[in-house]
Amino acid sequence: MKALVKLADIPRSTYYHLVKRMNQPDPDINLKAEIKAIYEEHDGRYGYRRIRDELANRGQKVNHKKIQRIMKELGLKCLVRMKKYKS
Protein backbone atom coordinates (compact mmCIF):
# COMPACT_ATOMS: atom_id res chain seq x y z
CA MET A 1 0.00 0.00 0.00
CA LYS A 2 2.83 2.39 0.89
CA ALA A 3 4.48 1.74 -2.47
CA LEU A 4 1.25 2.44 -4.37
CA VAL A 5 0.67 5.71 -2.55
CA LYS A 6 4.26 6.75 -3.17
CA LEU A 7 4.00 5.73 -6.83
CA ALA A 8 0.78 7.70 -7.29
CA ASP A 9 2.37 10.65 -5.42
CA ILE A 10 -0.68 11.26 -3.22
CA PRO A 11 -0.90 11.56 0.56
CA ARG A 12 -1.96 8.45 2.50
CA SER A 13 -4.95 10.29 3.95
CA THR A 14 -6.20 11.08 0.43
CA TYR A 15 -6.12 7.38 -0.42
CA TYR A 16 -8.21 6.48 2.63
CA HIS A 17 -10.62 9.34 1.95
CA LEU A 18 -11.22 8.07 -1.61
CA VAL A 19 -11.69 4.48 -0.41
CA LYS A 20 -14.22 5.65 2.17
CA ARG A 21 -16.18 7.64 -0.46
CA MET A 22 -16.25 4.70 -2.90
CA ASN A 23 -18.05 2.49 -0.36
CA GLN A 24 -20.84 5.00 0.34
CA PRO A 25 -24.17 4.89 -1.53
CA ASP A 26 -25.01 7.73 -3.92
CA PRO A 27 -26.90 10.44 -1.98
CA ASP A 28 -28.42 11.92 -5.17
CA ILE A 29 -29.97 8.75 -6.59
CA ASN A 30 -33.56 9.98 -6.13
CA LEU A 31 -32.73 13.39 -7.59
CA LYS A 32 -31.07 11.76 -10.62
CA ALA A 33 -34.18 9.67 -11.27
CA GLU A 34 -36.41 12.74 -10.96
CA ILE A 35 -34.24 14.78 -13.36
CA LYS A 36 -34.20 11.95 -15.89
CA ALA A 37 -37.99 11.58 -15.63
CA ILE A 38 -38.56 15.31 -16.25
CA TYR A 39 -36.09 15.28 -19.15
CA GLU A 40 -37.80 12.32 -20.83
CA GLU A 41 -41.30 13.66 -20.06
CA HIS A 42 -40.50 16.75 -22.15
CA ASP A 43 -38.69 14.85 -24.94
CA GLY A 44 -35.28 16.30 -24.11
CA ARG A 45 -36.37 19.90 -24.63
CA TYR A 46 -35.73 21.00 -21.05
CA GLY A 47 -32.33 22.27 -20.00
CA TYR A 48 -31.05 22.67 -16.46
CA ARG A 49 -32.93 25.94 -15.88
CA ARG A 50 -36.34 24.56 -16.80
CA ILE A 51 -35.66 21.35 -14.89
CA ARG A 52 -34.77 23.45 -11.84
CA ASP A 53 -38.06 25.31 -12.19
CA GLU A 54 -40.01 22.07 -12.62
CA LEU A 55 -38.37 20.60 -9.51
CA ALA A 56 -39.30 23.77 -7.61
CA ASN A 57 -42.92 23.32 -8.75
CA ARG A 58 -42.79 19.75 -7.44
CA GLY A 59 -41.50 20.94 -4.06
CA GLN A 60 -37.76 20.26 -4.36
CA LYS A 61 -35.44 23.22 -4.10
CA VAL A 62 -32.10 22.35 -5.76
CA ASN A 63 -29.24 24.58 -6.88
CA HIS A 64 -28.93 24.99 -10.66
CA LYS A 65 -25.24 24.09 -10.57
CA LYS A 66 -26.02 20.73 -9.00
CA ILE A 67 -28.66 20.01 -11.65
CA GLN A 68 -26.21 21.01 -14.36
CA ARG A 69 -23.53 18.70 -12.93
CA ILE A 70 -25.95 15.76 -12.64
CA MET A 71 -27.19 16.27 -16.20
CA LYS A 72 -23.62 16.25 -17.42
CA GLU A 73 -22.94 13.00 -15.52
CA LEU A 74 -26.06 11.39 -17.02
CA GLY A 75 -25.25 12.67 -20.52
CA LEU A 76 -28.49 14.66 -20.80
CA LYS A 77 -28.35 17.64 -23.14
CA CYS A 78 -31.12 20.04 -24.11
CA LEU A 79 -32.22 19.69 -27.73
CA VAL A 80 -32.73 23.03 -29.44
CA ARG A 81 -35.79 23.08 -31.66
CA MET A 82 -35.59 24.71 -35.05
CA LYS A 83 -37.00 28.21 -35.33
CA LYS A 84 -39.60 28.74 -38.02
CA TYR A 85 -38.43 30.92 -40.87
CA LYS A 86 -40.51 34.03 -41.45
CA SER A 87 -39.72 36.40 -44.28
PDB file of N, CA and C in Angstrom:
ATOM      1  N   MET A   1       0.841  -1.185   0.000  1.00  0.00           N
ATOM      2  CA  MET A   1       0.000   0.000   0.000  1.00  0.00           C
ATOM      3  C   MET A   1       0.882   1.243   0.000  1.00  0.00           C
ATOM      4  N   LYS A   2       1.933   1.226   0.821  1.00  0.00           N
ATOM      5  CA  LYS A   2       2.827   2.386   0.886  1.00  0.00           C
ATOM      6  C   LYS A   2       3.474   2.657  -0.466  1.00  0.00           C
ATOM      7  N   ALA A   3       3.838   1.581  -1.157  1.00  0.00           N
ATOM      8  CA  ALA A   3       4.485   1.744  -2.465  1.00  0.00           C
ATOM      9  C   ALA A   3       3.511   2.338  -3.487  1.00  0.00           C
ATOM     10  N   LEU A   4       2.249   1.910  -3.433  1.00  0.00           N
ATOM     11  CA  LEU A   4       1.253   2.437  -4.370  1.00  0.00           C
ATOM     12  C   LEU A   4       0.990   3.925  -4.141  1.00  0.00           C
ATOM     13  N   VAL A   5       0.906   4.305  -2.887  1.00  0.00           N
ATOM     14  CA  VAL A   5       0.670   5.713  -2.552  1.00  0.00           C
ATOM     15  C   VAL A   5       1.860   6.549  -2.989  1.00  0.00           C
ATOM     16  N   LYS A   6       3.041   6.024  -2.782  1.00  0.00           N
ATOM     17  CA  LYS A   6       4.258   6.750  -3.169  1.00  0.00           C
ATOM     18  C   LYS A   6       4.343   6.842  -4.694  1.00  0.00           C
ATOM     19  N   LEU A   7       3.975   5.754  -5.381  1.00  0.00           N
ATOM     20  CA  LEU A   7       4.004   5.733  -6.835  1.00  0.00           C
ATOM     21  C   LEU A   7       2.989   6.724  -7.418  1.00  0.00           C
ATOM     22  N   ALA A   8       1.820   6.786  -6.829  1.00  0.00           N
ATOM     23  CA  ALA A   8       0.776   7.704  -7.288  1.00  0.00           C
ATOM     24  C   ALA A   8       1.053   9.141  -6.856  1.00  0.00           C
ATOM     25  N   ASP A   9       1.984   9.329  -5.935  1.00  0.00           N
ATOM     26  CA  ASP A   9       2.368  10.651  -5.424  1.00  0.00           C
ATOM     27  C   ASP A   9       1.179  11.392  -4.806  1.00  0.00           C
ATOM     28  N   ILE A  10       0.418  10.655  -3.967  1.00  0.00           N
ATOM     29  CA  ILE A  10      -0.682  11.262  -3.223  1.00  0.00           C
ATOM     30  C   ILE A  10      -0.484  10.964  -1.743  1.00  0.00           C
ATOM     31  N   PRO A  11      -0.996  11.828  -0.882  1.00  0.00           N
ATOM     32  CA  PRO A  11      -0.899  11.559   0.558  1.00  0.00           C
ATOM     33  C   PRO A  11      -1.714  10.323   0.949  1.00  0.00           C
ATOM     34  N   ARG A  12      -1.280   9.656   2.026  1.00  0.00           N
ATOM     35  CA  ARG A  12      -1.963   8.451   2.497  1.00  0.00           C
ATOM     36  C   ARG A  12      -3.401   8.759   2.906  1.00  0.00           C
ATOM     37  N   SER A  13      -3.602   9.923   3.511  1.00  0.00           N
ATOM     38  CA  SER A  13      -4.949  10.294   3.951  1.00  0.00           C
ATOM     39  C   SER A  13      -5.896  10.464   2.757  1.00  0.00           C
ATOM     40  N   THR A  14      -5.380  10.936   1.627  1.00  0.00           N
ATOM     41  CA  THR A  14      -6.199  11.077   0.429  1.00  0.00           C
ATOM     42  C   THR A  14      -6.658   9.718  -0.065  1.00  0.00           C
ATOM     43  N   TYR A  15      -5.770   8.748  -0.017  1.00  0.00           N
ATOM     44  CA  TYR A  15      -6.119   7.379  -0.424  1.00  0.00           C
ATOM     45  C   TYR A  15      -7.271   6.850   0.432  1.00  0.00           C
ATOM     46  N   TYR A  16      -7.165   6.994   1.740  1.00  0.00           N
ATOM     47  CA  TYR A  16      -8.213   6.483   2.631  1.00  0.00           C
ATOM     48  C   TYR A  16      -9.520   7.252   2.453  1.00  0.00           C
ATOM     49  N   HIS A  17      -9.415   8.539   2.182  1.00  0.00           N
ATOM     50  CA  HIS A  17     -10.618   9.343   1.946  1.00  0.00           C
ATOM     51  C   HIS A  17     -11.346   8.841   0.696  1.00  0.00           C
ATOM     52  N   LEU A  18     -10.605   8.563  -0.377  1.00  0.00           N
ATOM     53  CA  LEU A  18     -11.218   8.072  -1.613  1.00  0.00           C
ATOM     54  C   LEU A  18     -11.830   6.688  -1.426  1.00  0.00           C
ATOM     55  N   VAL A  19     -11.161   5.821  -0.673  1.00  0.00           N
ATOM     56  CA  VAL A  19     -11.690   4.484  -0.415  1.00  0.00           C
ATOM     57  C   VAL A  19     -12.991   4.581   0.374  1.00  0.00           C
ATOM     58  N   LYS A  20     -13.022   5.479   1.347  1.00  0.00           N
ATOM     59  CA  LYS A  20     -14.223   5.652   2.167  1.00  0.00           C
ATOM     60  C   LYS A  20     -15.396   6.164   1.321  1.00  0.00           C
ATOM     61  N   ARG A  21     -15.127   7.080   0.396  1.00  0.00           N
ATOM     62  CA  ARG A  21     -16.177   7.635  -0.457  1.00  0.00           C
ATOM     63  C   ARG A  21     -16.689   6.608  -1.464  1.00  0.00           C
ATOM     64  N   MET A  22     -15.825   5.706  -1.918  1.00  0.00           N
ATOM     65  CA  MET A  22     -16.247   4.698  -2.896  1.00  0.00           C
ATOM     66  C   MET A  22     -17.255   3.719  -2.298  1.00  0.00           C
ATOM     67  N   ASN A  23     -17.173   3.472  -1.013  1.00  0.00           N
ATOM     68  CA  ASN A  23     -18.046   2.488  -0.364  1.00  0.00           C
ATOM     69  C   ASN A  23     -19.391   3.063   0.064  1.00  0.00           C
ATOM     70  N   GLN A  24     -19.583   4.380  -0.077  1.00  0.00           N
ATOM     71  CA  GLN A  24     -20.836   4.997   0.342  1.00  0.00           C
ATOM     72  C   GLN A  24     -21.851   4.968  -0.796  1.00  0.00           C
ATOM     73  N   PRO A  25     -23.145   4.838  -0.485  1.00  0.00           N
ATOM     74  CA  PRO A  25     -24.168   4.887  -1.535  1.00  0.00           C
ATOM     75  C   PRO A  25     -24.315   6.305  -2.079  1.00  0.00           C
ATOM     76  N   ASP A  26     -24.834   6.427  -3.274  1.00  0.00           N
ATOM     77  CA  ASP A  26     -25.008   7.727  -3.919  1.00  0.00           C
ATOM     78  C   ASP A  26     -26.141   8.496  -3.235  1.00  0.00           C
ATOM     79  N   PRO A  27     -25.854   9.680  -2.673  1.00  0.00           N
ATOM     80  CA  PRO A  27     -26.903  10.438  -1.975  1.00  0.00           C
ATOM     81  C   PRO A  27     -27.913  11.090  -2.935  1.00  0.00           C
ATOM     82  N   ASP A  28     -27.558  11.228  -4.214  1.00  0.00           N
ATOM     83  CA  ASP A  28     -28.420  11.917  -5.169  1.00  0.00           C
ATOM     84  C   ASP A  28     -29.180  10.967  -6.088  1.00  0.00           C
ATOM     85  N   ILE A  29     -29.343   9.729  -5.693  1.00  0.00           N
ATOM     86  CA  ILE A  29     -29.971   8.746  -6.588  1.00  0.00           C
ATOM     87  C   ILE A  29     -31.430   9.101  -6.886  1.00  0.00           C
ATOM     88  N   ASN A  30     -32.156   9.593  -5.903  1.00  0.00           N
ATOM     89  CA  ASN A  30     -33.563   9.976  -6.131  1.00  0.00           C
ATOM     90  C   ASN A  30     -33.655  11.209  -7.019  1.00  0.00           C
ATOM     91  N   LEU A  31     -32.750  12.157  -6.794  1.00  0.00           N
ATOM     92  CA  LEU A  31     -32.730  13.385  -7.594  1.00  0.00           C
ATOM     93  C   LEU A  31     -32.383  13.072  -9.048  1.00  0.00           C
ATOM     94  N   LYS A  32     -31.450  12.153  -9.261  1.00  0.00           N
ATOM     95  CA  LYS A  32     -31.073  11.761 -10.623  1.00  0.00           C
ATOM     96  C   LYS A  32     -32.266  11.140 -11.348  1.00  0.00           C
ATOM     97  N   ALA A  33     -33.002  10.305 -10.661  1.00  0.00           N
ATOM     98  CA  ALA A  33     -34.176   9.671 -11.267  1.00  0.00           C
ATOM     99  C   ALA A  33     -35.236  10.718 -11.612  1.00  0.00           C
ATOM    100  N   GLU A  34     -35.421  11.680 -10.738  1.00  0.00           N
ATOM    101  CA  GLU A  34     -36.413  12.743 -10.955  1.00  0.00           C
ATOM    102  C   GLU A  34     -36.014  13.611 -12.156  1.00  0.00           C
ATOM    103  N   ILE A  35     -34.734  13.964 -12.240  1.00  0.00           N
ATOM    104  CA  ILE A  35     -34.244  14.781 -13.357  1.00  0.00           C
ATOM    105  C   ILE A  35     -34.416  14.030 -14.673  1.00  0.00           C
ATOM    106  N   LYS A  36     -34.065  12.755 -14.671  1.00  0.00           N
ATOM    107  CA  LYS A  36     -34.196  11.947 -15.893  1.00  0.00           C
ATOM    108  C   LYS A  36     -35.655  11.829 -16.311  1.00  0.00           C
ATOM    109  N   ALA A  37     -36.559  11.688 -15.328  1.00  0.00           N
ATOM    110  CA  ALA A  37     -37.987  11.583 -15.632  1.00  0.00           C
ATOM    111  C   ALA A  37     -38.508  12.880 -16.252  1.00  0.00           C
ATOM    112  N   ILE A  38     -38.125  14.018 -15.706  1.00  0.00           N
ATOM    113  CA  ILE A  38     -38.558  15.315 -16.247  1.00  0.00           C
ATOM    114  C   ILE A  38     -38.005  15.501 -17.656  1.00  0.00           C
ATOM    115  N   TYR A  39     -36.734  15.138 -17.838  1.00  0.00           N
ATOM    116  CA  TYR A  39     -36.086  15.277 -19.146  1.00  0.00           C
ATOM    117  C   TYR A  39     -36.813  14.446 -20.205  1.00  0.00           C
ATOM    118  N   GLU A  40     -37.132  13.201 -19.865  1.00  0.00           N
ATOM    119  CA  GLU A  40     -37.803  12.320 -20.827  1.00  0.00           C
ATOM    120  C   GLU A  40     -39.276  12.702 -21.022  1.00  0.00           C
ATOM    121  N   GLU A  41     -39.894  13.230 -19.980  1.00  0.00           N
ATOM    122  CA  GLU A  41     -41.298  13.659 -20.064  1.00  0.00           C
ATOM    123  C   GLU A  41     -41.468  14.774 -21.091  1.00  0.00           C
ATOM    124  N   HIS A  42     -40.443  15.617 -21.226  1.00  0.00           N
ATOM    125  CA  HIS A  42     -40.504  16.748 -22.151  1.00  0.00           C
ATOM    126  C   HIS A  42     -39.649  16.515 -23.397  1.00  0.00           C
ATOM    127  N   ASP A  43     -39.384  15.253 -23.709  1.00  0.00           N
ATOM    128  CA  ASP A  43     -38.687  14.849 -24.942  1.00  0.00           C
ATOM    129  C   ASP A  43     -37.328  15.515 -25.125  1.00  0.00           C
ATOM    130  N   GLY A  44     -36.627  15.758 -24.034  1.00  0.00           N
ATOM    131  CA  GLY A  44     -35.281  16.301 -24.110  1.00  0.00           C
ATOM    132  C   GLY A  44     -35.215  17.786 -24.406  1.00  0.00           C
ATOM    133  N   ARG A  45     -36.335  18.461 -24.328  1.00  0.00           N
ATOM    134  CA  ARG A  45     -36.370  19.902 -24.632  1.00  0.00           C
ATOM    135  C   ARG A  45     -36.002  20.774 -23.430  1.00  0.00           C
ATOM    136  N   TYR A  46     -35.996  20.200 -22.244  1.00  0.00           N
ATOM    137  CA  TYR A  46     -35.726  20.996 -21.049  1.00  0.00           C
ATOM    138  C   TYR A  46     -34.244  20.963 -20.710  1.00  0.00           C
ATOM    139  N   GLY A  47     -33.698  22.143 -20.482  1.00  0.00           N
ATOM    140  CA  GLY A  47     -32.327  22.270 -20.005  1.00  0.00           C
ATOM    141  C   GLY A  47     -32.321  22.348 -18.485  1.00  0.00           C
ATOM    142  N   TYR A  48     -31.162  22.671 -17.921  1.00  0.00           N
ATOM    143  CA  TYR A  48     -31.051  22.670 -16.461  1.00  0.00           C
ATOM    144  C   TYR A  48     -31.908  23.745 -15.812  1.00  0.00           C
ATOM    145  N   ARG A  49     -32.130  24.863 -16.483  1.00  0.00           N
ATOM    146  CA  ARG A  49     -32.929  25.939 -15.882  1.00  0.00           C
ATOM    147  C   ARG A  49     -34.396  25.525 -15.755  1.00  0.00           C
ATOM    148  N   ARG A  50     -34.928  24.974 -16.828  1.00  0.00           N
ATOM    149  CA  ARG A  50     -36.337  24.556 -16.799  1.00  0.00           C
ATOM    150  C   ARG A  50     -36.533  23.372 -15.862  1.00  0.00           C
ATOM    151  N   ILE A  51     -35.558  22.492 -15.815  1.00  0.00           N
ATOM    152  CA  ILE A  51     -35.658  21.353 -14.893  1.00  0.00           C
ATOM    153  C   ILE A  51     -35.625  21.853 -13.457  1.00  0.00           C
ATOM    154  N   ARG A  52     -34.789  22.855 -13.177  1.00  0.00           N
ATOM    155  CA  ARG A  52     -34.765  23.446 -11.837  1.00  0.00           C
ATOM    156  C   ARG A  52     -36.128  24.018 -11.482  1.00  0.00           C
ATOM    157  N   ASP A  53     -36.747  24.727 -12.429  1.00  0.00           N
ATOM    158  CA  ASP A  53     -38.064  25.315 -12.186  1.00  0.00           C
ATOM    159  C   ASP A  53     -39.126  24.235 -11.978  1.00  0.00           C
ATOM    160  N   GLU A  54     -39.047  23.167 -12.758  1.00  0.00           N
ATOM    161  CA  GLU A  54     -40.008  22.067 -12.622  1.00  0.00           C
ATOM    162  C   GLU A  54     -39.852  21.375 -11.269  1.00  0.00           C
ATOM    163  N   LEU A  55     -38.601  21.192 -10.831  1.00  0.00           N
ATOM    164  CA  LEU A  55     -38.374  20.596  -9.513  1.00  0.00           C
ATOM    165  C   LEU A  55     -38.904  21.507  -8.411  1.00  0.00           C
ATOM    166  N   ALA A  56     -38.765  22.824  -8.589  1.00  0.00           N
ATOM    167  CA  ALA A  56     -39.296  23.773  -7.605  1.00  0.00           C
ATOM    168  C   ALA A  56     -40.822  23.673  -7.557  1.00  0.00           C
ATOM    169  N   ASN A  57     -41.465  23.488  -8.720  1.00  0.00           N
ATOM    170  CA  ASN A  57     -42.919  23.318  -8.754  1.00  0.00           C
ATOM    171  C   ASN A  57     -43.348  22.038  -8.046  1.00  0.00           C
ATOM    172  N   ARG A  58     -42.485  21.022  -8.089  1.00  0.00           N
ATOM    173  CA  ARG A  58     -42.787  19.746  -7.437  1.00  0.00           C
ATOM    174  C   ARG A  58     -42.357  19.729  -5.972  1.00  0.00           C
ATOM    175  N   GLY A  59     -41.813  20.839  -5.479  1.00  0.00           N
ATOM    176  CA  GLY A  59     -41.500  20.939  -4.059  1.00  0.00           C
ATOM    177  C   GLY A  59     -40.060  20.633  -3.677  1.00  0.00           C
ATOM    178  N   GLN A  60     -39.175  20.505  -4.658  1.00  0.00           N
ATOM    179  CA  GLN A  60     -37.763  20.259  -4.362  1.00  0.00           C
ATOM    180  C   GLN A  60     -36.959  21.484  -4.769  1.00  0.00           C
ATOM    181  N   LYS A  61     -36.254  22.051  -3.805  1.00  0.00           N
ATOM    182  CA  LYS A  61     -35.437  23.219  -4.104  1.00  0.00           C
ATOM    183  C   LYS A  61     -33.994  22.752  -4.237  1.00  0.00           C
ATOM    184  N   VAL A  62     -33.448  22.835  -5.468  1.00  0.00           N
ATOM    185  CA  VAL A  62     -32.101  22.353  -5.760  1.00  0.00           C
ATOM    186  C   VAL A  62     -31.354  23.441  -6.511  1.00  0.00           C
ATOM    187  N   ASN A  63     -30.075  23.595  -6.220  1.00  0.00           N
ATOM    188  CA  ASN A  63     -29.241  24.584  -6.883  1.00  0.00           C
ATOM    189  C   ASN A  63     -29.073  24.222  -8.354  1.00  0.00           C
ATOM    190  N   HIS A  64     -29.052  25.231  -9.221  1.00  0.00           N
ATOM    191  CA  HIS A  64     -28.934  24.987 -10.655  1.00  0.00           C
ATOM    192  C   HIS A  64     -27.594  24.360 -11.027  1.00  0.00           C
ATOM    193  N   LYS A  65     -26.555  24.668 -10.276  1.00  0.00           N
ATOM    194  CA  LYS A  65     -25.240  24.088 -10.571  1.00  0.00           C
ATOM    195  C   LYS A  65     -25.223  22.586 -10.313  1.00  0.00           C
ATOM    196  N   LYS A  66     -25.934  22.159  -9.301  1.00  0.00           N
ATOM    197  CA  LYS A  66     -26.024  20.732  -8.999  1.00  0.00           C
ATOM    198  C   LYS A  66     -26.791  20.002 -10.105  1.00  0.00           C
ATOM    199  N   ILE A  67     -27.875  20.602 -10.569  1.00  0.00           N
ATOM    200  CA  ILE A  67     -28.655  20.006 -11.646  1.00  0.00           C
ATOM    201  C   ILE A  67     -27.819  19.926 -12.917  1.00  0.00           C
ATOM    202  N   GLN A  68     -27.064  20.982 -13.175  1.00  0.00           N
ATOM    203  CA  GLN A  68     -26.213  21.007 -14.363  1.00  0.00           C
ATOM    204  C   GLN A  68     -25.151  19.908 -14.288  1.00  0.00           C
ATOM    205  N   ARG A  69     -24.564  19.721 -13.118  1.00  0.00           N
ATOM    206  CA  ARG A  69     -23.530  18.698 -12.934  1.00  0.00           C
ATOM    207  C   ARG A  69     -24.124  17.288 -13.104  1.00  0.00           C
ATOM    208  N   ILE A  70     -25.308  17.062 -12.531  1.00  0.00           N
ATOM    209  CA  ILE A  70     -25.951  15.756 -12.637  1.00  0.00           C
ATOM    210  C   ILE A  70     -26.333  15.462 -14.087  1.00  0.00           C
ATOM    211  N   MET A  71     -26.836  16.462 -14.801  1.00  0.00           N
ATOM    212  CA  MET A  71     -27.194  16.265 -16.203  1.00  0.00           C
ATOM    213  C   MET A  71     -25.962  15.924 -17.037  1.00  0.00           C
ATOM    214  N   LYS A  72     -24.855  16.541 -16.707  1.00  0.00           N
ATOM    215  CA  LYS A  72     -23.615  16.246 -17.424  1.00  0.00           C
ATOM    216  C   LYS A  72     -23.163  14.813 -17.150  1.00  0.00           C
ATOM    217  N   GLU A  73     -23.292  14.373 -15.891  1.00  0.00           N
ATOM    218  CA  GLU A  73     -22.935  12.997 -15.522  1.00  0.00           C
ATOM    219  C   GLU A  73     -23.812  11.988 -16.258  1.00  0.00           C
ATOM    220  N   LEU A  74     -25.108  12.296 -16.378  1.00  0.00           N
ATOM    221  CA  LEU A  74     -26.060  11.386 -17.020  1.00  0.00           C
ATOM    222  C   LEU A  74     -26.033  11.486 -18.548  1.00  0.00           C
ATOM    223  N   GLY A  75     -25.333  12.498 -19.066  1.00  0.00           N
ATOM    224  CA  GLY A  75     -25.254  12.674 -20.518  1.00  0.00           C
ATOM    225  C   GLY A  75     -26.521  13.256 -21.112  1.00  0.00           C
ATOM    226  N   LEU A  76     -27.251  14.043 -20.330  1.00  0.00           N
ATOM    227  CA  LEU A  76     -28.488  14.663 -20.803  1.00  0.00           C
ATOM    228  C   LEU A  76     -28.182  16.065 -21.310  1.00  0.00           C
ATOM    229  N   LYS A  77     -28.576  16.336 -22.540  1.00  0.00           N
ATOM    230  CA  LYS A  77     -28.353  17.645 -23.140  1.00  0.00           C
ATOM    231  C   LYS A  77     -29.654  18.146 -23.724  1.00  0.00           C
ATOM    232  N   CYS A  78     -29.896  19.431 -23.585  1.00  0.00           N
ATOM    233  CA  CYS A  78     -31.123  20.037 -24.109  1.00  0.00           C
ATOM    234  C   CYS A  78     -31.056  20.065 -25.632  1.00  0.00           C
ATOM    235  N   LEU A  79     -32.130  19.626 -26.275  1.00  0.00           N
ATOM    236  CA  LEU A  79     -32.224  19.691 -27.728  1.00  0.00           C
ATOM    237  C   LEU A  79     -32.856  21.015 -28.111  1.00  0.00           C
ATOM    238  N   VAL A  80     -32.222  21.733 -29.008  1.00  0.00           N
ATOM    239  CA  VAL A  80     -32.734  23.031 -29.440  1.00  0.00           C
ATOM    240  C   VAL A  80     -33.637  22.812 -30.635  1.00  0.00           C
ATOM    241  N   ARG A  81     -34.862  23.272 -30.535  1.00  0.00           N
ATOM    242  CA  ARG A  81     -35.789  23.082 -31.657  1.00  0.00           C
ATOM    243  C   ARG A  81     -35.513  24.150 -32.720  1.00  0.00           C
ATOM    244  N   MET A  82     -35.813  23.801 -33.935  1.00  0.00           N
ATOM    245  CA  MET A  82     -35.588  24.713 -35.052  1.00  0.00           C
ATOM    246  C   MET A  82     -36.592  25.855 -35.001  1.00  0.00           C
ATOM    247  N   LYS A  83     -36.125  27.046 -35.262  1.00  0.00           N
ATOM    248  CA  LYS A  83     -36.996  28.207 -35.333  1.00  0.00           C
ATOM    249  C   LYS A  83     -37.665  28.228 -36.701  1.00  0.00           C
ATOM    250  N   LYS A  84     -38.904  28.643 -36.741  1.00  0.00           N
ATOM    251  CA  LYS A  84     -39.605  28.735 -38.018  1.00  0.00           C
ATOM    252  C   LYS A  84     -39.120  29.974 -38.761  1.00  0.00           C
ATOM    253  N   TYR A  85     -38.897  29.812 -40.055  1.00  0.00           N
ATOM    254  CA  TYR A  85     -38.426  30.922 -40.874  1.00  0.00           C
ATOM    255  C   TYR A  85     -39.604  31.787 -41.284  1.00  0.00           C
ATOM    256  N   LYS A  86     -39.478  33.071 -41.042  1.00  0.00           N
ATOM    257  CA  LYS A  86     -40.506  34.027 -41.451  1.00  0.00           C
ATOM    258  C   LYS A  86     -39.830  35.116 -42.274  1.00  0.00           C
ATOM    259  N   SER A  87     -40.320  35.342 -43.454  1.00  0.00           N
ATOM    260  CA  SER A  87     -39.722  36.401 -44.284  1.00  0.00           C
ATOM    261  C   SER A  87     -40.653  37.587 -44.392  1.00  0.00           C
TER     262      SER A  87
END
